[in-house]
Amino acid sequence: MRHVGTAHMEAHMRTRRAASFIVPVTLGFLVGASLAMAQPGTSIFRGTLLEPDQRTAEVSTEELRKILADHSSLVLDARRSRSTP
């Protein structure tokens, strides 16, 4: 037979484990929903990363497409080239 304190501690640990999963998931849904509602009608092509302390300005996919179409700026592709076997 287990000690009453042991059963109480096991129940407490199960509750903590459940909370450690439920709380982040719930917060993630709430943040995602609030971001979706904060920008009604905004498409993914208008979004940027909004990273702090960037050296250069961000452009969205929509802005990049416009720049490429009207040749209004120089665009450099700095990605590594993939070598084909």
Protein backbone atom coordinates (compact mmCIF):
# COMPACT_ATOMS: atom_id res chain seq x y z
CA MET A 1 0.00 0.00 0.00
CA ARG A 2 1.34 3.40 -0.98
CA HIS A 3 1.72 6.28 1.36
CA VAL A 4 -0.93 9.01 0.95
CA GLY A 5 1.78 11.62 0.35
CA THR A 6 3.19 9.56 -2.54
CA ALA A 7 -0.20 9.37 -4.26
CA HIS A 8 -0.62 13.12 -3.83
CA MET A 9 2.82 13.80 -5.34
CA GLU A 10 2.10 11.51 -8.31
CA ALA A 11 -1.17 13.32 -8.97
CA HIS A 12 0.63 16.65 -8.71
CA MET A 13 3.28 15.51 -11.21
CA ARG A 14 0.61 14.33 -13.69
CA THR A 15 -1.11 17.71 -13.42
CA ARG A 16 2.18 19.55 -13.99
CA ARG A 17 2.99 17.39 -17.04
CA ALA A 18 -0.44 18.04 -18.51
CA ALA A 19 -0.14 21.77 -17.83
CA SER A 20 3.32 21.90 -19.41
CA PHE A 21 1.73 20.65 -22.63
CA ILE A 22 -1.66 22.37 -22.55
CA VAL A 23 -0.46 25.87 -21.64
CA PRO A 24 2.01 26.32 -24.56
CA VAL A 25 -0.42 24.82 -27.06
CA THR A 26 -3.22 27.10 -25.90
CA LEU A 27 -0.95 30.15 -25.98
CA GLY A 28 0.16 29.22 -29.48
CA PHE A 29 -3.42 29.05 -30.70
CA LEU A 30 -4.26 32.37 -29.04
CA VAL A 31 -1.24 34.15 -30.50
CA GLY A 32 -1.89 32.69 -33.94
CA ALA A 33 -5.54 33.67 -33.85
CA SER A 34 -4.78 37.19 -32.66
CA LEU A 35 -2.18 37.69 -35.41
CA ALA A 36 -4.62 36.45 -38.01
CA MET A 37 -7.29 38.83 -36.76
CA ALA A 38 -4.88 41.76 -36.42
CA GLN A 39 -4.30 41.89 -40.18
CA PRO A 40 -7.62 41.22 -41.89
CA GLY A 41 -7.36 40.81 -45.64
CA THR A 42 -3.57 40.60 -45.57
CA SER A 43 -2.12 37.91 -47.78
CA ILE A 44 1.00 35.93 -47.07
CA PHE A 45 2.67 37.73 -49.96
CA ARG A 46 2.55 41.00 -48.00
CA GLY A 47 4.16 39.63 -44.84
CA THR A 48 7.73 40.10 -43.64
CA LEU A 49 9.69 38.52 -40.79
CA LEU A 50 9.87 41.72 -38.69
CA GLU A 51 13.20 40.67 -37.19
CA PRO A 52 14.77 43.30 -34.91
CA ASP A 53 18.10 45.04 -35.61
CA GLN A 54 18.34 44.19 -39.30
CA ARG A 55 21.01 45.89 -41.39
CA THR A 56 18.73 46.27 -44.39
CA ALA A 57 15.04 46.89 -44.91
CA GLU A 58 12.71 43.94 -45.43
CA VAL A 59 10.59 43.55 -48.53
CA SER A 60 7.58 41.32 -48.88
CA THR A 61 7.11 38.85 -51.71
CA GLU A 62 4.58 41.23 -53.24
CA GLU A 63 7.09 44.12 -53.12
CA LEU A 64 9.85 41.93 -54.59
CA ARG A 65 7.61 40.88 -57.46
CA LYS A 66 6.87 44.55 -58.20
CA ILE A 67 10.58 45.45 -58.05
CA LEU A 68 11.43 42.61 -60.45
CA ALA A 69 8.61 43.54 -62.81
CA ASP A 70 9.40 47.25 -63.07
CA HIS A 71 13.22 46.95 -62.70
CA SER A 72 13.18 49.68 -60.04
CA SER A 73 16.04 48.22 -58.00
CA LEU A 74 18.98 45.88 -58.27
CA VAL A 75 18.23 42.45 -56.78
CA LEU A 76 21.07 40.12 -55.87
CA ASP A 77 20.46 36.44 -55.15
CA ALA A 78 22.92 35.52 -52.38
CA ARG A 79 21.84 31.90 -51.99
CA ARG A 80 24.41 29.17 -52.43
CA SER A 81 24.24 27.47 -55.77
CA ARG A 82 23.31 23.81 -55.70
CA SER A 83 25.71 21.60 -57.55
CA THR A 84 24.02 18.88 -59.54
CA PRO A 85 25.63 15.45 -59.51
